């Protein structure tokens, strides 16, 4: 499960390094990162992750093996590790 948290955090941090982001966007990304790091589910898949995010008022859509999250007109891709074939 630690890998899921690490991978999601890495994805969010990599996307948030855009220097042109407004303060509101950074605040939303920070909230999303905090939410994801508080959620612990080893077998989560893209549909489960999208459902979890939607229940917390995020615009999330499962697309194949990843989730698209739209924040302030920017689309972020999250890939849950529950669908990964490697063992942790």
Protein backbone atom coordinates (compact mmCIF):
# COMPACT_ATOMS: atom_id res chain seq x y z
CA UNK A 1 0.00 0.00 0.00
CA UNK A 2 2.91 2.27 0.59
CA UNK A 3 3.71 2.10 -3.13
CA UNK A 4 0.24 3.38 -3.99
CA UNK A 5 0.69 6.39 -1.76
CA UNK A 6 4.17 7.04 -3.07
CA UNK A 7 3.16 6.75 -6.72
CA UNK A 8 0.13 9.00 -6.31
CA UNK A 9 2.17 11.55 -4.40
CA UNK A 10 4.88 11.49 -7.09
CA UNK A 11 2.30 12.01 -9.84
CA UNK A 12 0.67 14.89 -8.04
CA UNK A 13 3.97 16.54 -7.12
CA UNK A 14 5.28 16.18 -10.68
CA UNK A 15 2.16 17.85 -12.06
CA UNK A 16 2.18 20.57 -9.39
CA UNK A 17 5.69 21.72 -10.31
CA UNK A 18 4.26 23.88 -13.09
CA UNK A 19 5.39 27.42 -12.14
CA UNK A 20 2.46 29.06 -13.94
CA UNK A 21 -0.15 27.66 -11.57
CA UNK A 22 -2.34 30.03 -9.63
CA UNK A 23 -2.50 29.81 -5.83
CA UNK A 24 -6.00 28.29 -5.96
CA UNK A 25 -4.79 25.44 -8.13
CA UNK A 26 -1.91 24.68 -5.80
CA UNK A 27 -4.34 24.70 -2.90
CA UNK A 28 -6.60 22.20 -4.72
CA UNK A 29 -3.67 19.94 -5.57
CA UNK A 30 -2.52 20.05 -1.97
CA UNK A 31 -6.01 19.04 -0.82
CA UNK A 32 -6.09 16.23 -3.37
CA UNK A 33 -2.67 15.00 -2.28
CA UNK A 34 -3.73 15.01 1.37
CA UNK A 35 -6.92 13.12 0.55
CA UNK A 36 -5.06 10.46 -1.45
CA UNK A 37 -2.41 9.96 1.20
CA UNK A 38 -5.11 9.46 3.85
CA UNK A 39 -6.79 6.68 1.84
CA UNK A 40 -5.32 3.19 2.23
CA UNK A 41 -6.61 0.43 -0.06
CA UNK A 42 -4.17 -2.10 -1.51
CA UNK A 43 -6.54 -3.43 -4.19
CA UNK A 44 -7.97 -0.14 -5.47
CA UNK A 45 -8.61 0.08 -9.19
CA UNK A 46 -9.38 3.07 -11.40
CA UNK A 47 -13.16 2.81 -10.94
CA UNK A 48 -12.85 2.65 -7.15
CA UNK A 49 -10.43 5.58 -7.08
CA UNK A 50 -12.67 7.69 -9.31
CA UNK A 51 -15.67 6.89 -7.11
CA UNK A 52 -13.71 7.83 -3.99
CA UNK A 53 -12.67 11.16 -5.53
CA UNK A 54 -16.18 11.96 -6.78
CA UNK A 55 -17.59 11.38 -3.29
CA UNK A 56 -15.14 14.05 -2.10
CA UNK A 57 -16.34 16.56 -4.73
CA UNK A 58 -13.57 16.10 -7.31
CA UNK A 59 -14.33 15.88 -11.03
CA UNK A 60 -12.86 12.41 -11.61
CA UNK A 61 -13.47 9.95 -14.43
CA UNK A 62 -12.04 6.42 -14.79
CA UNK A 63 -10.43 5.93 -18.20
CA UNK A 64 -9.08 2.43 -18.66
CA UNK A 65 -6.45 1.80 -16.00
CA UNK A 66 -6.10 5.43 -14.86
CA UNK A 67 -8.28 8.26 -13.54
CA UNK A 68 -8.59 11.73 -15.03
CA UNK A 69 -9.07 14.44 -12.41
CA UNK A 70 -9.99 17.94 -13.61
CA UNK A 71 -8.97 20.86 -11.41
CA UNK A 72 -9.40 24.44 -12.62
CA UNK A 73 -9.36 23.45 -16.28
CA UNK A 74 -6.26 21.22 -15.98
CA UNK A 75 -6.51 17.43 -16.35
CA UNK A 76 -4.35 15.30 -14.05
CA UNK A 77 -3.83 11.56 -14.52
CA UNK A 78 -3.73 9.25 -11.50
CA UNK A 79 -2.72 5.62 -11.84
CA UNK A 80 -3.72 3.33 -8.95
CA UNK A 81 -1.35 0.49 -8.11
CA UNK A 82 -4.18 -1.97 -7.39
CA UNK A 83 -4.27 -2.84 -11.08
CA UNK A 84 -0.50 -3.40 -11.21
CA UNK A 85 0.60 -6.98 -11.80
CA UNK A 86 3.70 -6.71 -9.61
CA UNK A 87 3.54 -7.58 -5.94
CA UNK A 88 4.43 -5.08 -3.20
